[in-house]
Amino acid sequence: MESIRNVILSLITGTAIIFAATAAHAALYSYSFSNVDGPVNGTVSGNITLADGDGTFAATSVTILSAPVSLGYTLPIEMLSASYPYLLANSFTVSSGQIIDMHFAALNLYDGLFLSDDYSGGGNYLNIRGSGVYDGVIDRDESTLVVTAIPLPAALPLYGAGLALMGLIGWRRKRKT
């Protein structure tokens, strides 16, 4: 009776892992924009984490991974942290796995990241740290903005199936001894 219970638990665990790996993961996107209208040349880039699927979502994470050194930031920066308490906009619309509309603005009193944000008059910018003005890397008409989906590894569902198979093999070995 114990061995049947172990088989059932192995199958349930493997099935749960497969469903978790395929259905309940977050979607990850990279973004970048370059200076067009500001005094600091260079590119700002980072990642956006959203719920998986199509619809309009609030990001669960927006990071800055690289920016020109002359802006004065210590990277990486999580823009949804306590250091950036003023969240003016956090809306991302996804269709067919691509972000088609975004409005994001997170700032403290002096620093902020704006991605296609209506509050800043449009466009994307990251200002010089501590300045509190619209300076730094600025692309007002979004001409350099690139947003790309980062696919999860295709082998992730196979991982759950592999764990279920290993559980069955272990059960059979134990049963033989």
Foldseek 3Di string as FASTA:
>chain_A
DVLVVLLVVLVVQLVVQLCCLPPWDKWKKKKKFFADPADAGDMWIWMWIFTDDFAKTFTPWTWTADFDCQLPDDDTDTLPDPQFPDWPAGIFGDDPSFTPDGFTWTHDQAWIWTDQHVVVVGWTDTHRPRHNDGHGGTDRHCPGMDMGIDDDDPCSSVVSVVSSVVSVVVSVVVVVD
